[in-house]
C-alpha atoms as a PDB file:
ATOM      1  CA  UNK A   1     -71.857  78.743  44.950  1.00  0.00           C
ATOM      2  CA  UNK A   2     -72.726  82.015  43.213  1.00  0.00           C
ATOM      3  CA  UNK A   3     -75.537  84.049  44.755  1.00  0.00           C
ATOM      4  CA  UNK A   4     -77.529  85.198  41.702  1.00  0.00           C
ATOM      5  CA  UNK A   5     -79.854  87.358  43.752  1.00  0.00           C
ATOM      6  CA  UNK A   6     -76.929  89.329  45.130  1.00  0.00           C
ATOM      7  CA  UNK A   7     -75.383  89.763  41.663  1.00  0.00           C
ATOM      8  CA  UNK A   8     -78.643  91.083  40.278  1.00  0.00           C
ATOM      9  CA  UNK A   9     -79.050  93.589  43.126  1.00  0.00           C
ATOM     10  CA  UNK A  10     -75.559  95.053  42.872  1.00  0.00           C
ATOM     11  CA  UNK A  11     -74.993  97.885  40.434  1.00  0.00           C
ATOM     12  CA  UNK A  12     -72.899  97.085  37.399  1.00  0.00           C
ATOM     13  CA  UNK A  13     -69.274  98.014  37.711  1.00  0.00           C
ATOM     14  CA  UNK A  14     -67.229  99.473  34.920  1.00  0.00           C
ATOM     15  CA  UNK A  15     -65.143  96.817  33.226  1.00  0.00           C
ATOM     16  CA  UNK A  16     -61.551  97.059  34.253  1.00  0.00           C
ATOM     17  CA  UNK A  17     -59.063  97.643  31.473  1.00  0.00           C
ATOM     18  CA  UNK A  18     -56.333  95.060  31.684  1.00  0.00           C
ATOM     19  CA  UNK A  19     -54.465  96.326  28.647  1.00  0.00           C
ATOM     20  CA  UNK A  20     -53.498  99.798  27.584  1.00  0.00           C
ATOM     21  CA  UNK A  21     -55.387 101.113  24.589  1.00  0.00           C
ATOM     22  CA  UNK A  22     -53.570 100.308  21.367  1.00  0.00           C
ATOM     23  CA  UNK A  23     -54.500 103.448  19.470  1.00  0.00           C
ATOM     24  CA  UNK A  24     -51.007 104.833  19.936  1.00  0.00           C
ATOM     25  CA  UNK A  25     -49.441 101.701  18.402  1.00  0.00           C
ATOM     26  CA  UNK A  26     -51.428 101.823  15.183  1.00  0.00           C
ATOM     27  CA  UNK A  27     -49.856 103.503  12.167  1.00  0.00           C
ATOM     28  CA  UNK A  28     -51.813 106.408  10.682  1.00  0.00           C
ATOM     29  CA  UNK A  29     -53.890 105.452   7.664  1.00  0.00           C
ATOM     30  CA  UNK A  30     -56.417 106.830   5.218  1.00  0.00           C
ATOM     31  CA  UNK A  31     -59.085 106.338   7.921  1.00  0.00           C
ATOM     32  CA  UNK A  32     -57.371 109.059   9.922  1.00  0.00           C
ATOM     33  CA  UNK A  33     -57.323 111.429   6.950  1.00  0.00           C
ATOM     34  CA  UNK A  34     -53.612 110.786   6.370  1.00  0.00           C
ATOM     35  CA  UNK A  35     -52.833 110.322   2.701  1.00  0.00           C
ATOM     36  CA  UNK A  36     -49.060 110.587   2.795  1.00  0.00           C
ATOM     37  CA  UNK A  37     -47.300 109.888   6.078  1.00  0.00           C
ATOM     38  CA  UNK A  38     -43.821 111.169   5.324  1.00  0.00           C
ATOM     39  CA  UNK A  39     -43.024 114.847   5.673  1.00  0.00           C
ATOM     40  CA  UNK A  40     -40.682 114.601   2.675  1.00  0.00           C
ATOM     41  CA  UNK A  41     -42.180 115.545  -0.665  1.00  0.00           C
ATOM     42  CA  UNK A  42     -43.810 112.661  -2.502  1.00  0.00           C
ATOM     43  CA  UNK A  43     -41.449 111.173  -5.086  1.00  0.00           C
ATOM     44  CA  UNK A  44     -42.496 111.921  -8.618  1.00  0.00           C
ATOM     45  CA  UNK A  45     -41.606 109.640 -11.506  1.00  0.00           C
ATOM     46  CA  UNK A  46     -43.921 111.417 -13.871  1.00  0.00           C
ATOM     47  CA  UNK A  47     -43.713 114.283 -16.279  1.00  0.00           C
ATOM     48  CA  UNK A  48     -46.354 116.939 -16.785  1.00  0.00           C
ATOM     49  CA  UNK A  49     -48.291 117.565 -19.971  1.00  0.00           C
ATOM     50  CA  UNK A  50     -51.209 119.811 -20.723  1.00  0.00           C
ATOM     51  CA  UNK A  51     -54.461 118.187 -21.718  1.00  0.00           C
ATOM     52  CA  UNK A  52     -56.646 119.561 -24.532  1.00  0.00           C
ATOM     53  CA  UNK A  53     -59.062 120.951 -21.938  1.00  0.00           C
ATOM     54  CA  UNK A  54     -56.332 123.138 -20.446  1.00  0.00           C
ATOM     55  CA  UNK A  55     -55.672 120.953 -17.404  1.00  0.00           C
ATOM     56  CA  UNK A  56     -52.421 119.298 -16.446  1.00  0.00           C
ATOM     57  CA  UNK A  57     -51.825 115.553 -16.524  1.00  0.00           C
ATOM     58  CA  UNK A  58     -48.910 114.056 -14.621  1.00  0.00           C
ATOM     59  CA  UNK A  59     -48.430 110.789 -16.447  1.00  0.00           C
ATOM     60  CA  UNK A  60     -46.564 111.512 -19.677  1.00  0.00           C
ATOM     61  CA  UNK A  61     -43.472 109.571 -18.633  1.00  0.00           C
ATOM     62  CA  UNK A  62     -45.571 106.719 -17.287  1.00  0.00           C
ATOM     63  CA  UNK A  63     -47.542 106.592 -20.555  1.00  0.00           C
ATOM     64  CA  UNK A  64     -44.300 106.415 -22.553  1.00  0.00           C
ATOM     65  CA  UNK A  65     -42.944 103.632 -20.345  1.00  0.00           C
ATOM     66  CA  UNK A  66     -46.244 101.778 -20.614  1.00  0.00           C
ATOM     67  CA  UNK A  67     -46.197 102.048 -24.405  1.00  0.00           C
ATOM     68  CA  UNK A  68     -42.638 100.691 -24.488  1.00  0.00           C
ATOM     69  CA  UNK A  69     -43.654  97.782 -22.266  1.00  0.00           C
ATOM     70  CA  UNK A  70     -46.693  97.013 -24.426  1.00  0.00           C
ATOM     71  CA  UNK A  71     -44.472  97.025 -27.522  1.00  0.00           C
ATOM     72  CA  UNK A  72     -41.951  94.674 -25.868  1.00  0.00           C
ATOM     73  CA  UNK A  73     -44.708  92.214 -24.928  1.00  0.00           C
ATOM     74  CA  UNK A  74     -46.420  92.306 -28.326  1.00  0.00           C
ATOM     75  CA  UNK A  75     -43.109  91.941 -30.188  1.00  0.00           C
ATOM     76  CA  UNK A  76     -42.314  88.904 -28.078  1.00  0.00           C
ATOM     77  CA  UNK A  77     -45.732  87.373 -28.834  1.00  0.00           C
ATOM     78  CA  UNK A  78     -45.315  88.015 -32.559  1.00  0.00           C
ATOM     79  CA  UNK A  79     -42.027  86.122 -32.529  1.00  0.00           C
ATOM     80  CA  UNK A  80     -43.609  82.845 -31.317  1.00  0.00           C
ATOM     81  CA  UNK A  81     -43.512  80.453 -34.302  1.00  0.00           C
ATOM     82  CA  UNK A  82     -46.608  78.699 -35.650  1.00  0.00           C
ATOM     83  CA  UNK A  83     -47.395  75.448 -33.910  1.00  0.00           C
ATOM     84  CA  UNK A  84     -45.562  76.528 -30.741  1.00  0.00           C
ATOM     85  CA  UNK A  85     -46.702  78.327 -27.591  1.00  0.00           C
ATOM     86  CA  UNK A  86     -45.139  80.255 -24.736  1.00  0.00           C
ATOM     87  CA  UNK A  87     -46.355  81.245 -21.289  1.00  0.00           C
ATOM     88  CA  UNK A  88     -47.186  84.552 -19.664  1.00  0.00           C
ATOM     89  CA  UNK A  89     -44.277  84.023 -17.264  1.00  0.00           C
ATOM     90  CA  UNK A  90     -41.773  83.340 -20.060  1.00  0.00           C
ATOM     91  CA  UNK A  91     -42.753  86.569 -21.786  1.00  0.00           C
ATOM     92  CA  UNK A  92     -42.533  88.420 -18.461  1.00  0.00           C
ATOM     93  CA  UNK A  93     -38.988  87.102 -17.994  1.00  0.00           C
ATOM     94  CA  UNK A  94     -37.979  88.709 -21.288  1.00  0.00           C
ATOM     95  CA  UNK A  95     -40.139  91.844 -21.344  1.00  0.00           C
ATOM     96  CA  UNK A  96     -40.061  92.577 -17.619  1.00  0.00           C
ATOM     97  CA  UNK A  97     -42.894  92.787 -15.156  1.00  0.00           C
ATOM     98  CA  UNK A  98     -44.849  89.728 -14.167  1.00  0.00           C
ATOM     99  CA  UNK A  99     -47.252  87.251 -15.750  1.00  0.00           C
ATOM    100  CA  UNK A 100     -50.290  89.271 -14.667  1.00  0.00           C
ATOM    101  CA  UNK A 101     -48.934  92.408 -16.327  1.00  0.00           C
ATOM    102  CA  UNK A 102     -48.379  90.418 -19.524  1.00  0.00           C
ATOM    103  CA  UNK A 103     -51.954  89.147 -19.242  1.00  0.00           C
ATOM    104  CA  UNK A 104     -53.221  92.703 -18.838  1.00  0.00           C
ATOM    105  CA  UNK A 105     -51.327  93.812 -21.948  1.00  0.00           C
ATOM    106  CA  UNK A 106     -52.691  90.856 -23.892  1.00  0.00           C
ATOM    107  CA  UNK A 107     -56.262  91.523 -22.784  1.00  0.00           C
ATOM    108  CA  UNK A 108     -56.118  95.198 -23.772  1.00  0.00           C
ATOM    109  CA  UNK A 109     -53.765  95.204 -26.771  1.00  0.00           C
ATOM    110  CA  UNK A 110     -53.347  91.583 -27.909  1.00  0.00           C
ATOM    111  CA  UNK A 111     -55.983  91.465 -30.652  1.00  0.00           C
ATOM    112  CA  UNK A 112     -53.702  92.021 -33.669  1.00  0.00           C
ATOM    113  CA  UNK A 113     -51.036  89.508 -32.550  1.00  0.00           C
ATOM    114  CA  UNK A 114     -51.368  85.703 -32.336  1.00  0.00           C
ATOM    115  CA  UNK A 115     -52.789  85.788 -28.797  1.00  0.00           C
ATOM    116  CA  UNK A 116     -53.620  82.067 -28.822  1.00  0.00           C
ATOM    117  CA  UNK A 117     -49.898  81.251 -28.673  1.00  0.00           C
ATOM    118  CA  UNK A 118     -49.661  82.589 -25.097  1.00  0.00           C
ATOM    119  CA  UNK A 119     -51.006  80.101 -22.566  1.00  0.00           C
ATOM    120  CA  UNK A 120     -50.914  79.421 -18.851  1.00  0.00           C
ATOM    121  CA  UNK A 121     -48.009  77.435 -17.452  1.00  0.00           C
ATOM    122  CA  UNK A 122     -50.177  74.310 -17.135  1.00  0.00           C
ATOM    123  CA  UNK A 123     -50.919  74.385 -20.877  1.00  0.00           C
ATOM    124  CA  UNK A 124     -54.540  75.442 -20.635  1.00  0.00           C
ATOM    125  CA  UNK A 125     -55.626  77.743 -23.458  1.00  0.00           C
ATOM    126  CA  UNK A 126     -56.982  81.235 -22.865  1.00  0.00           C
ATOM    127  CA  UNK A 127     -60.480  80.937 -21.350  1.00  0.00           C
ATOM    128  CA  UNK A 128     -61.906  83.634 -23.595  1.00  0.00           C
ATOM    129  CA  UNK A 129     -62.981  83.610 -27.236  1.00  0.00           C
ATOM    130  CA  UNK A 130     -65.242  80.516 -26.926  1.00  0.00           C
ATOM    131  CA  UNK A 131     -62.836  77.851 -28.165  1.00  0.00           C
ATOM    132  CA  UNK A 132     -61.396  79.986 -30.940  1.00  0.00           C
ATOM    133  CA  UNK A 133     -57.898  79.237 -29.628  1.00  0.00           C
ATOM    134  CA  UNK A 134     -58.410  75.477 -30.071  1.00  0.00           C
ATOM    135  CA  UNK A 135     -59.318  76.001 -33.722  1.00  0.00           C
ATOM    136  CA  UNK A 136     -56.064  77.947 -34.196  1.00  0.00           C
ATOM    137  CA  UNK A 137     -54.076  75.174 -32.481  1.00  0.00           C
ATOM    138  CA  UNK A 138     -55.533  72.528 -34.762  1.00  0.00           C
ATOM    139  CA  UNK A 139     -54.932  74.649 -37.866  1.00  0.00           C
ATOM    140  CA  UNK A 140     -51.287  75.261 -36.900  1.00  0.00           C
ATOM    141  CA  UNK A 141     -50.615  71.674 -35.772  1.00  0.00           C
ATOM    142  CA  UNK A 142     -49.883  72.568 -32.160  1.00  0.00           C
ATOM    143  CA  UNK A 143     -49.531  69.365 -30.074  1.00  0.00           C
ATOM    144  CA  UNK A 144     -52.555  68.916 -27.789  1.00  0.00           C
ATOM    145  CA  UNK A 145     -53.280  66.492 -24.970  1.00  0.00           C
ATOM    146  CA  UNK A 146     -56.481  64.469 -24.728  1.00  0.00           C
ATOM    147  CA  UNK A 147     -57.878  66.983 -22.223  1.00  0.00           C
ATOM    148  CA  UNK A 148     -57.679  69.856 -24.733  1.00  0.00           C
ATOM    149  CA  UNK A 149     -54.576  71.401 -23.212  1.00  0.00           C
ATOM    150  CA  UNK A 150     -51.301  72.125 -24.938  1.00  0.00           C
ATOM    151  CA  UNK A 151     -48.624  69.436 -24.652  1.00  0.00           C
ATOM    152  CA  UNK A 152     -46.093  71.796 -23.090  1.00  0.00           C
ATOM    153  CA  UNK A 153     -43.029  69.535 -23.414  1.00  0.00           C
ATOM    154  CA  UNK A 154     -43.450  69.428 -27.171  1.00  0.00           C
ATOM    155  CA  UNK A 155     -44.942  72.850 -27.917  1.00  0.00           C
ATOM    156  CA  UNK A 156     -43.206  75.234 -25.492  1.00  0.00           C
ATOM    157  CA  UNK A 157     -41.073  77.910 -27.119  1.00  0.00           C
ATOM    158  CA  UNK A 158     -38.750  79.901 -24.862  1.00  0.00           C
ATOM    159  CA  UNK A 159     -38.521  83.552 -25.925  1.00  0.00           C
ATOM    160  CA  UNK A 160     -35.288  83.971 -23.932  1.00  0.00           C
ATOM    161  CA  UNK A 161     -33.459  81.146 -25.715  1.00  0.00           C
ATOM    162  CA  UNK A 162     -31.304  82.125 -28.686  1.00  0.00           C
ATOM    163  CA  UNK A 163     -32.519  80.785 -32.014  1.00  0.00           C
END
Protein backbone atom coordinates (compact mmCIF):
# COMPACT_ATOMS: atom_id res chain seq x y z
CA UNK A 1 0.00 0.00 0.00
CA UNK A 2 1.20 3.52 -0.78
CA UNK A 3 1.99 5.74 2.20
CA UNK A 4 0.47 9.10 1.18
CA UNK A 5 1.82 10.88 4.23
CA UNK A 6 5.36 9.90 3.32
CA UNK A 7 4.90 10.98 -0.32
CA UNK A 8 3.62 14.37 0.76
CA UNK A 9 6.55 14.92 3.14
CA UNK A 10 9.27 14.06 0.64
CA UNK A 11 10.55 16.82 -1.61
CA UNK A 12 9.64 16.55 -5.27
CA UNK A 13 12.28 14.98 -7.42
CA UNK A 14 13.13 16.15 -10.89
CA UNK A 15 11.45 13.99 -13.50
CA UNK A 16 13.89 11.64 -15.09
CA UNK A 17 14.32 11.96 -18.82
CA UNK A 18 13.88 8.58 -20.42
CA UNK A 19 14.38 9.83 -23.96
CA UNK A 20 16.96 12.13 -25.44
CA UNK A 21 15.64 15.51 -26.48
CA UNK A 22 14.50 15.49 -30.09
CA UNK A 23 15.50 19.03 -30.95
CA UNK A 24 18.49 17.77 -32.91
CA UNK A 25 16.27 15.52 -35.06
CA UNK A 26 13.91 18.26 -36.18
CA UNK A 27 14.59 19.95 -39.51
CA UNK A 28 15.09 23.72 -39.39
CA UNK A 29 11.98 25.69 -40.29
CA UNK A 30 10.63 29.21 -40.49
CA UNK A 31 10.15 29.09 -36.70
CA UNK A 32 13.92 29.00 -36.35
CA UNK A 33 14.36 31.99 -38.66
CA UNK A 34 15.48 29.74 -41.52
CA UNK A 35 13.88 30.74 -44.79
CA UNK A 36 16.01 28.75 -47.20
CA UNK A 37 17.85 25.72 -45.87
CA UNK A 38 20.20 24.98 -48.74
CA UNK A 39 23.48 26.84 -49.05
CA UNK A 40 23.12 26.79 -52.85
CA UNK A 41 21.57 29.86 -54.40
CA UNK A 42 17.79 29.72 -54.67
CA UNK A 43 16.71 28.62 -58.15
CA UNK A 44 15.15 31.40 -60.14
CA UNK A 45 12.61 30.75 -62.87
CA UNK A 46 11.70 34.38 -63.16
CA UNK A 47 12.84 37.35 -65.15
CA UNK A 48 13.25 40.86 -63.83
CA UNK A 49 11.31 43.90 -64.98
CA UNK A 50 11.17 47.42 -63.66
CA UNK A 51 7.89 48.64 -62.25
CA UNK A 52 6.55 52.14 -62.96
CA UNK A 53 7.53 53.20 -59.44
CA UNK A 54 11.19 52.42 -60.13
CA UNK A 55 11.27 49.12 -58.24
CA UNK A 56 12.11 45.71 -59.63
CA UNK A 57 9.60 42.89 -60.03
CA UNK A 58 10.82 39.33 -60.48
CA UNK A 59 7.82 37.73 -62.13
CA UNK A 60 7.84 38.71 -65.80
CA UNK A 61 8.42 35.16 -67.02
CA UNK A 62 5.87 33.78 -64.59
CA UNK A 63 3.31 36.37 -65.76
CA UNK A 64 3.91 35.38 -69.39
CA UNK A 65 3.53 31.69 -68.57
CA UNK A 66 0.38 32.43 -66.59
CA UNK A 67 -1.10 34.39 -69.48
CA UNK A 68 -0.36 31.51 -71.86
CA UNK A 69 -2.02 29.07 -69.48
CA UNK A 70 -5.08 31.29 -69.10
CA UNK A 71 -5.35 31.53 -72.89
CA UNK A 72 -5.08 27.73 -73.27
CA UNK A 73 -7.86 27.18 -70.72
CA UNK A 74 -10.18 29.84 -72.16
CA UNK A 75 -9.63 28.61 -75.73
CA UNK A 76 -10.52 25.11 -74.62
CA UNK A 77 -13.71 26.37 -72.92
CA UNK A 78 -14.70 28.35 -76.01
CA UNK A 79 -14.44 25.21 -78.12
CA UNK A 80 -17.11 23.31 -76.13
CA UNK A 81 -20.17 23.07 -78.41
CA UNK A 82 -23.63 24.28 -77.37
CA UNK A 83 -25.64 21.71 -75.49
CA UNK A 84 -22.50 19.88 -74.32
CA UNK A 85 -20.32 20.23 -71.22
CA UNK A 86 -16.83 19.28 -70.12
CA UNK A 87 -15.16 18.99 -66.74
CA UNK A 88 -12.40 20.90 -65.01
CA UNK A 89 -10.25 17.76 -65.10
CA UNK A 90 -10.76 17.23 -68.85
CA UNK A 91 -9.64 20.78 -69.55
CA UNK A 92 -6.67 20.31 -67.21
CA UNK A 93 -5.65 17.20 -69.17
CA UNK A 94 -5.44 19.29 -72.34
CA UNK A 95 -4.23 22.64 -71.01
CA UNK A 96 -1.98 21.31 -68.26
CA UNK A 97 -2.13 21.87 -64.54
CA UNK A 98 -4.93 20.44 -62.47
CA UNK A 99 -8.68 20.89 -62.05
CA UNK A 100 -8.22 23.44 -59.27
CA UNK A 101 -5.97 25.58 -61.46
CA UNK A 102 -8.60 25.46 -64.20
CA UNK A 103 -11.20 26.48 -61.63
CA UNK A 104 -9.03 29.40 -60.54
CA UNK A 105 -8.66 30.57 -64.14
CA UNK A 106 -12.40 30.28 -64.68
CA UNK A 107 -13.20 32.21 -61.50
CA UNK A 108 -10.85 35.07 -62.40
CA UNK A 109 -11.02 35.19 -66.20
CA UNK A 110 -14.00 33.06 -67.28
CA UNK A 111 -16.64 35.77 -67.62
CA UNK A 112 -16.44 36.31 -71.40
CA UNK A 113 -16.46 32.58 -72.27
CA UNK A 114 -19.34 30.10 -71.84
CA UNK A 115 -18.40 29.26 -68.24
CA UNK A 116 -21.58 27.24 -67.66
CA UNK A 117 -20.25 24.52 -69.98
CA UNK A 118 -17.53 23.58 -67.46
CA UNK A 119 -18.91 21.45 -64.63
CA UNK A 120 -17.70 19.16 -61.88
CA UNK A 121 -17.08 15.52 -62.70
CA UNK A 122 -20.33 14.49 -61.00
CA UNK A 123 -22.33 16.74 -63.34
CA UNK A 124 -23.26 19.38 -60.79
CA UNK A 125 -23.37 22.89 -62.24
CA UNK A 126 -21.20 25.73 -60.95
CA UNK A 127 -22.49 26.77 -57.51
CA UNK A 128 -22.22 30.47 -58.30
CA UNK A 129 -24.42 32.80 -60.34
CA UNK A 130 -27.70 31.84 -58.58
CA UNK A 131 -29.02 29.28 -61.06
CA UNK A 132 -27.97 31.24 -64.13
CA UNK A 133 -26.18 28.13 -65.42
CA UNK A 134 -29.41 26.10 -65.37
CA UNK A 135 -31.12 28.71 -67.53
CA UNK A 136 -28.27 28.41 -70.06
CA UNK A 137 -28.55 24.60 -70.03
CA UNK A 138 -32.26 24.74 -70.76
CA UNK A 139 -31.79 27.31 -73.52
CA UNK A 140 -29.08 25.20 -75.19
CA UNK A 141 -30.88 21.87 -74.73
CA UNK A 142 -28.23 20.33 -72.50
CA UNK A 143 -29.48 16.98 -71.11
CA UNK A 144 -30.30 17.29 -67.40
CA UNK A 145 -31.19 14.72 -64.76
CA UNK A 146 -34.18 15.04 -62.45
CA UNK A 147 -31.90 16.33 -59.68
CA UNK A 148 -30.80 19.35 -61.75
CA UNK A 149 -27.42 17.91 -62.66
CA UNK A 150 -26.02 17.38 -66.12
CA UNK A 151 -26.54 13.92 -67.62
CA UNK A 152 -22.82 13.34 -68.14
CA UNK A 153 -23.10 10.24 -70.36
CA UNK A 154 -25.08 12.20 -72.92
CA UNK A 155 -23.64 15.71 -72.55
CA UNK A 156 -19.91 15.17 -71.89
CA UNK A 157 -17.60 16.55 -74.56
CA UNK A 158 -13.95 15.50 -74.41
CA UNK A 159 -11.61 18.34 -75.41
CA UNK A 160 -8.78 15.85 -76.03
CA UNK A 161 -10.76 13.77 -78.54
CA UNK A 162 -10.29 14.63 -82.21
CA UNK A 163 -13.39 16.01 -83.90
